[in-house]
Protein backbone atom coordinates (compact mmCIF):
# COMPACT_ATOMS: atom_id res chain seq x y z
CA MET A 1 119.20 132.56 113.47
CA TYR A 2 118.31 128.97 114.44
CA ASP A 3 114.82 128.59 115.04
CA PRO A 4 112.95 125.28 116.09
CA LYS A 5 110.13 126.08 114.50
CA LYS A 6 111.13 126.53 111.56
CA ASN A 7 111.66 124.03 108.97
CA TYR A 8 115.42 123.16 107.19
CA LYS A 9 116.91 121.60 103.82
CA TRP A 10 120.37 120.60 103.50
CA ASN A 11 121.66 118.19 101.07
CA PRO A 12 122.02 114.53 100.72
CA LYS A 13 126.09 114.93 100.59
CA ASP A 14 126.63 117.36 103.80
CA VAL A 15 128.42 116.15 106.64
CA PHE A 16 127.58 117.28 110.07
CA GLU A 17 130.07 115.63 112.36
CA MET A 18 129.41 114.71 116.67
CA ASP A 19 131.59 113.98 119.34
CA GLY A 20 131.48 110.30 121.24
CA ASP A 21 129.68 111.99 124.48
CA GLN A 22 126.67 112.88 121.71
CA PHE A 23 126.88 109.72 119.73
CA GLY A 24 125.75 107.65 122.99
CA ARG A 25 123.24 109.55 123.46
CA ILE A 26 121.95 109.12 120.38
CA LEU A 27 121.83 105.69 120.31
CA HIS A 28 120.88 105.06 124.13
CA SER A 29 118.36 106.86 123.46
CA PHE A 30 116.79 105.14 120.57
CA ARG A 31 117.44 101.47 122.40
CA ALA A 32 116.11 102.76 125.22
CA ILE A 33 112.61 103.51 122.97
CA LEU A 34 113.17 100.70 121.05
CA ALA A 35 113.21 98.42 123.97
CA THR A 36 109.95 99.35 125.50
CA GLU A 37 107.46 97.07 125.06
CA GLU A 38 105.13 99.86 122.88
CA ALA A 39 108.18 100.00 120.93
CA GLN A 40 107.71 96.39 119.93
CA LYS A 41 104.53 96.71 119.05
CA ILE A 42 104.62 99.29 116.41
CA LEU A 43 107.44 97.77 115.26
CA LEU A 44 105.89 94.42 114.68
CA VAL A 45 102.79 96.05 113.47
CA ASN A 46 105.06 97.94 110.65
CA GLU A 47 106.36 94.60 109.45
CA ALA A 48 102.77 92.88 109.11
CA ASN A 49 101.29 96.17 107.40
CA LYS A 50 104.52 96.11 105.29
CA ILE A 51 103.27 92.53 104.45
CA ILE A 52 99.38 93.68 103.67
CA GLU A 53 100.74 96.48 101.65
CA GLU A 54 102.89 94.43 99.62
CA LYS A 55 99.56 92.02 99.05
CA MET A 56 97.79 94.96 98.21
CA GLN A 57 99.89 95.54 95.40
CA GLU A 58 99.94 92.04 94.16
CA TYR A 59 96.54 91.46 94.18
CA VAL A 60 95.40 95.10 92.72
CA GLU A 61 98.37 94.48 89.83
CA LYS A 62 96.74 90.74 88.96
CA GLY A 63 92.88 92.75 88.67
CA VAL A 64 91.76 90.34 91.87
CA ILE A 65 91.23 93.34 94.19
CA LYS A 66 89.96 96.67 92.51
CA GLU A 67 89.81 100.28 93.29
CA GLN A 68 86.05 101.29 94.53
CA VAL A 69 84.92 104.49 92.71
CA GLU A 70 82.54 106.40 95.36
CA GLU A 71 79.10 107.08 93.18
CA SER A 72 79.07 111.43 93.34
CA GLN A 73 77.19 112.87 96.06
CA ALA A 74 73.86 113.89 93.50
CA THR A 75 74.30 109.93 92.80
CA GLN A 76 73.70 108.78 96.76
CA VAL A 77 70.45 107.59 97.99
CA PRO A 78 70.04 109.27 101.61
CA PRO A 79 69.85 107.16 104.50
CA LYS A 80 66.35 106.44 105.77
CA GLY A 81 65.16 109.04 107.81
CA ALA A 82 68.33 111.24 106.72
CA LYS A 83 66.45 115.38 105.76
CA MET A 84 67.40 116.67 103.48
CA SER A 85 67.62 120.76 103.24
CA ILE A 86 67.88 123.05 100.62
CA SER A 87 69.90 126.75 100.77
CA LYS A 88 68.71 129.64 98.67
CA LYS A 89 71.19 131.21 97.19
């Protein structure tokens, strides 16, 4: 029995059919949402994100941008005023 709370899978070549009414409802729903000002902002930000990710990749490969490797907790100096606690095992 179908349970909308579960995840399902299918083959990429499986075919699903819908009638014109179903197709129209889905199409008009997408268009109504995508026409909103908020959706337009999100789509614009998504395009900007693609650009910055491409530039990040380019400059990482050129060696201009380097991965930041964080120090281990043991070698970090605690911030001024931080209290240290020692737990007994």
